[in-house]
Amino acid sequence: MLRRTVSGAFALTVASLIAAAVSPAHAEQSGAHQRPATFYDSAAAIVNADGSLNKGTNVVRSWLAATGRYCVQLAHSVEAPDALIQLTPRDPRRLPHIAYRNPSATCDHHNTITVNVYDTNTGRLADGGFDLLAL
């Protein structure tokens, strides 16, 4: 019984080591065409309900375009169309989502993300602050 447990644990350890050794090599091959992300390629913003920029990194400005419609203009070092974007509501009754990743009818500036915020009770556009992270 003890011998089976020890040999089973040994086999599991060896399998884990092999998986760990193979994973980085596979990751390098699949991501070889992409350039590595740096701090300068990312942006972060805390946007208030009135559209003002509370705090930001690599963000030119933000503004409220209409009720529940916000614009966040990123610095030129961050490409809005290619960025991975995460939004977090600052109010639990609000749900922000990305409407457009570049100039739109709402935000007609270059490298601008349009964010629409909805009231979760009514399903209609409503003002509400949010945090934005773009990588």
C-alpha atoms as a PDB file:
ATOM      1  CA  MET A   1       0.000   0.000   0.000  1.00  0.00           C
ATOM      2  CA  LEU A   2       2.756   2.451   0.967  1.00  0.00           C
ATOM      3  CA  ARG A   3       4.764   1.483  -2.114  1.00  0.00           C
ATOM      4  CA  ARG A   4       1.790   2.294  -4.416  1.00  0.00           C
ATOM      5  CA  THR A   5       1.243   5.654  -2.743  1.00  0.00           C
ATOM      6  CA  VAL A   6       4.916   6.617  -3.044  1.00  0.00           C
ATOM      7  CA  SER A   7       5.174   5.488  -6.669  1.00  0.00           C
ATOM      8  CA  GLY A   8       1.888   7.274  -7.499  1.00  0.00           C
ATOM      9  CA  ALA A   9       3.158  10.489  -5.924  1.00  0.00           C
ATOM     10  CA  PHE A  10       6.464  10.120  -7.778  1.00  0.00           C
ATOM     11  CA  ALA A  11       4.663   9.633 -11.108  1.00  0.00           C
ATOM     12  CA  LEU A  12       2.484  12.687 -10.454  1.00  0.00           C
ATOM     13  CA  THR A  13       5.555  14.793  -9.612  1.00  0.00           C
ATOM     14  CA  VAL A  14       7.353  13.712 -12.786  1.00  0.00           C
ATOM     15  CA  ALA A  15       4.265  14.443 -14.889  1.00  0.00           C
ATOM     16  CA  SER A  16       4.001  17.924 -13.324  1.00  0.00           C
ATOM     17  CA  LEU A  17       7.658  18.664 -14.064  1.00  0.00           C
ATOM     18  CA  ILE A  18       7.263  17.559 -17.681  1.00  0.00           C
ATOM     19  CA  ALA A  19       4.148  19.715 -18.092  1.00  0.00           C
ATOM     20  CA  ALA A  20       5.928  22.713 -16.573  1.00  0.00           C
ATOM     21  CA  ALA A  21       8.915  22.246 -18.894  1.00  0.00           C
ATOM     22  CA  VAL A  22       6.761  21.928 -22.017  1.00  0.00           C
ATOM     23  CA  SER A  23       4.377  24.833 -21.285  1.00  0.00           C
ATOM     24  CA  PRO A  24       6.888  27.733 -21.592  1.00  0.00           C
ATOM     25  CA  ALA A  25       8.230  26.364 -24.881  1.00  0.00           C
ATOM     26  CA  HIS A  26       4.715  26.169 -26.287  1.00  0.00           C
ATOM     27  CA  ALA A  27       3.941  29.682 -25.019  1.00  0.00           C
ATOM     28  CA  GLU A  28       7.024  31.082 -26.747  1.00  0.00           C
ATOM     29  CA  GLN A  29       6.087  29.488 -30.056  1.00  0.00           C
ATOM     30  CA  SER A  30       2.467  30.671 -29.995  1.00  0.00           C
ATOM     31  CA  GLY A  31       3.377  34.233 -28.931  1.00  0.00           C
ATOM     32  CA  ALA A  32       6.452  34.626 -31.155  1.00  0.00           C
ATOM     33  CA  HIS A  33       4.672  37.027 -33.525  1.00  0.00           C
ATOM     34  CA  GLN A  34       3.531  39.311 -30.710  1.00  0.00           C
ATOM     35  CA  ARG A  35       5.690  41.936 -29.105  1.00  0.00           C
ATOM     36  CA  PRO A  36       5.967  41.801 -25.315  1.00  0.00           C
ATOM     37  CA  ALA A  37       3.741  44.202 -23.401  1.00  0.00           C
ATOM     38  CA  THR A  38       5.372  46.888 -21.297  1.00  0.00           C
ATOM     39  CA  PHE A  39       4.129  49.474 -18.822  1.00  0.00           C
ATOM     40  CA  TYR A  40       4.071  52.053 -21.610  1.00  0.00           C
ATOM     41  CA  ASP A  41       1.710  49.897 -23.688  1.00  0.00           C
ATOM     42  CA  SER A  42      -0.968  49.941 -21.000  1.00  0.00           C
ATOM     43  CA  ALA A  43      -3.398  52.526 -19.707  1.00  0.00           C
ATOM     44  CA  ALA A  44      -5.516  52.852 -16.591  1.00  0.00           C
ATOM     45  CA  ALA A  45      -8.206  55.348 -15.666  1.00  0.00           C
ATOM     46  CA  ILE A  46     -10.609  56.074 -12.859  1.00  0.00           C
ATOM     47  CA  VAL A  47     -13.510  57.927 -14.461  1.00  0.00           C
ATOM     48  CA  ASN A  48     -16.052  59.765 -12.304  1.00  0.00           C
ATOM     49  CA  ALA A  49     -19.798  59.711 -12.997  1.00  0.00           C
ATOM     50  CA  ASP A  50     -19.569  63.251 -14.433  1.00  0.00           C
ATOM     51  CA  GLY A  51     -16.953  62.059 -16.953  1.00  0.00           C
ATOM     52  CA  SER A  52     -13.989  63.747 -15.341  1.00  0.00           C
ATOM     53  CA  LEU A  53     -10.738  61.824 -15.042  1.00  0.00           C
ATOM     54  CA  ASN A  54     -10.153  61.138 -11.350  1.00  0.00           C
ATOM     55  CA  LYS A  55      -6.781  59.520 -11.957  1.00  0.00           C
ATOM     56  CA  GLY A  56      -5.100  58.051 -15.013  1.00  0.00           C
ATOM     57  CA  THR A  57      -1.958  56.604 -16.519  1.00  0.00           C
ATOM     58  CA  ASN A  58      -1.366  56.934 -20.272  1.00  0.00           C
ATOM     59  CA  VAL A  59      -4.789  58.556 -20.624  1.00  0.00           C
ATOM     60  CA  VAL A  60      -5.069  61.917 -22.370  1.00  0.00           C
ATOM     61  CA  ARG A  61      -8.554  62.757 -21.060  1.00  0.00           C
ATOM     62  CA  SER A  62     -12.060  61.494 -20.432  1.00  0.00           C
ATOM     63  CA  TRP A  63     -15.453  63.140 -20.749  1.00  0.00           C
ATOM     64  CA  LEU A  64     -19.192  62.527 -20.552  1.00  0.00           C
ATOM     65  CA  ALA A  65     -20.607  62.760 -24.095  1.00  0.00           C
ATOM     66  CA  ALA A  66     -24.266  62.122 -23.183  1.00  0.00           C
ATOM     67  CA  THR A  67     -26.221  60.381 -20.436  1.00  0.00           C
ATOM     68  CA  GLY A  68     -24.398  57.100 -19.814  1.00  0.00           C
ATOM     69  CA  ARG A  69     -21.979  57.611 -22.739  1.00  0.00           C
ATOM     70  CA  TYR A  70     -18.329  58.215 -21.903  1.00  0.00           C
ATOM     71  CA  CYS A  71     -15.191  58.797 -23.946  1.00  0.00           C
ATOM     72  CA  VAL A  72     -11.697  57.851 -22.789  1.00  0.00           C
ATOM     73  CA  GLN A  73      -8.848  59.000 -25.012  1.00  0.00           C
ATOM     74  CA  LEU A  74      -5.681  56.931 -24.589  1.00  0.00           C
ATOM     75  CA  ALA A  75      -2.102  58.126 -25.067  1.00  0.00           C
ATOM     76  CA  HIS A  76      -0.518  57.390 -28.447  1.00  0.00           C
ATOM     77  CA  SER A  77       1.646  54.641 -26.896  1.00  0.00           C
ATOM     78  CA  VAL A  78      -1.479  52.504 -26.294  1.00  0.00           C
ATOM     79  CA  GLU A  79      -3.402  51.279 -29.348  1.00  0.00           C
ATOM     80  CA  ALA A  80      -7.118  51.342 -28.505  1.00  0.00           C
ATOM     81  CA  PRO A  81      -8.258  49.007 -31.329  1.00  0.00           C
ATOM     82  CA  ASP A  82      -5.796  46.263 -30.276  1.00  0.00           C
ATOM     83  CA  ALA A  83      -6.009  46.678 -26.500  1.00  0.00           C
ATOM     84  CA  LEU A  84      -7.416  44.148 -24.090  1.00  0.00           C
ATOM     85  CA  ILE A  85      -9.832  46.247 -22.018  1.00  0.00           C
ATOM     86  CA  GLN A  86     -11.281  45.558 -18.583  1.00  0.00           C
ATOM     87  CA  LEU A  87     -14.020  47.725 -17.074  1.00  0.00           C
ATOM     88  CA  THR A  88     -15.084  47.737 -13.439  1.00  0.00           C
ATOM     89  CA  PRO A  89     -18.156  49.699 -12.274  1.00  0.00           C
ATOM     90  CA  ARG A  90     -17.753  52.090  -9.360  1.00  0.00           C
ATOM     91  CA  ASP A  91     -21.464  51.727  -8.514  1.00  0.00           C
ATOM     92  CA  PRO A  92     -22.939  48.231  -8.069  1.00  0.00           C
ATOM     93  CA  ARG A  93     -26.136  49.230  -9.913  1.00  0.00           C
ATOM     94  CA  ARG A  94     -24.261  50.281 -13.042  1.00  0.00           C
ATOM     95  CA  LEU A  95     -22.850  48.080 -15.799  1.00  0.00           C
ATOM     96  CA  PRO A  96     -20.240  49.619 -18.144  1.00  0.00           C
ATOM     97  CA  HIS A  97     -19.411  48.051 -21.488  1.00  0.00           C
ATOM     98  CA  ILE A  98     -17.258  48.951 -24.472  1.00  0.00           C
ATOM     99  CA  ALA A  99     -19.291  50.366 -27.317  1.00  0.00           C
ATOM    100  CA  TYR A 100     -16.423  51.269 -29.702  1.00  0.00           C
ATOM    101  CA  ARG A 101     -12.638  51.035 -29.616  1.00  0.00           C
ATOM    102  CA  ASN A 102     -11.824  53.926 -31.935  1.00  0.00           C
ATOM    103  CA  PRO A 103     -13.494  57.025 -33.315  1.00  0.00           C
ATOM    104  CA  SER A 104     -17.261  56.707 -33.261  1.00  0.00           C
ATOM    105  CA  ALA A 105     -20.232  59.022 -33.623  1.00  0.00           C
ATOM    106  CA  THR A 106     -20.126  59.538 -29.856  1.00  0.00           C
ATOM    107  CA  CYS A 107     -16.360  59.968 -29.469  1.00  0.00           C
ATOM    108  CA  ASP A 108     -14.849  61.200 -32.725  1.00  0.00           C
ATOM    109  CA  HIS A 109     -11.244  61.544 -31.513  1.00  0.00           C
ATOM    110  CA  HIS A 110      -8.373  59.252 -32.517  1.00  0.00           C
ATOM    111  CA  ASN A 111      -7.444  56.410 -30.118  1.00  0.00           C
ATOM    112  CA  THR A 112     -10.615  56.842 -28.068  1.00  0.00           C
ATOM    113  CA  ILE A 113     -12.702  54.183 -26.362  1.00  0.00           C
ATOM    114  CA  THR A 114     -16.451  54.727 -26.091  1.00  0.00           C
ATOM    115  CA  VAL A 115     -17.967  53.263 -22.932  1.00  0.00           C
ATOM    116  CA  ASN A 116     -21.716  52.964 -22.377  1.00  0.00           C
ATOM    117  CA  VAL A 117     -22.975  52.554 -18.814  1.00  0.00           C
ATOM    118  CA  TYR A 118     -26.366  50.978 -18.133  1.00  0.00           C
ATOM    119  CA  ASP A 119     -28.578  50.960 -15.052  1.00  0.00           C
ATOM    120  CA  THR A 120     -29.030  47.308 -14.090  1.00  0.00           C
ATOM    121  CA  ASN A 121     -32.577  47.956 -12.809  1.00  0.00           C
ATOM    122  CA  THR A 122     -33.997  49.728 -15.869  1.00  0.00           C
ATOM    123  CA  GLY A 123     -31.626  48.584 -18.627  1.00  0.00           C
ATOM    124  CA  ARG A 124     -31.277  52.180 -19.821  1.00  0.00           C
ATOM    125  CA  LEU A 125     -28.203  54.362 -20.161  1.00  0.00           C
ATOM    126  CA  ALA A 126     -27.306  56.026 -16.853  1.00  0.00           C
ATOM    127  CA  ASP A 127     -24.377  57.996 -15.501  1.00  0.00           C
ATOM    128  CA  GLY A 128     -21.952  55.965 -13.415  1.00  0.00           C
ATOM    129  CA  GLY A 129     -18.231  56.011 -12.803  1.00  0.00           C
ATOM    130  CA  PHE A 130     -15.946  53.145 -13.739  1.00  0.00           C
ATOM    131  CA  ASP A 131     -12.343  51.961 -13.748  1.00  0.00           C
ATOM    132  CA  LEU A 132     -10.708  51.158 -17.073  1.00  0.00           C
ATOM    133  CA  LEU A 133      -7.625  49.054 -17.698  1.00  0.00           C
ATOM    134  CA  ALA A 134      -6.252  48.713 -21.241  1.00  0.00           C
ATOM    135  CA  LEU A 135      -3.363  46.362 -22.009  1.00  0.00           C
END
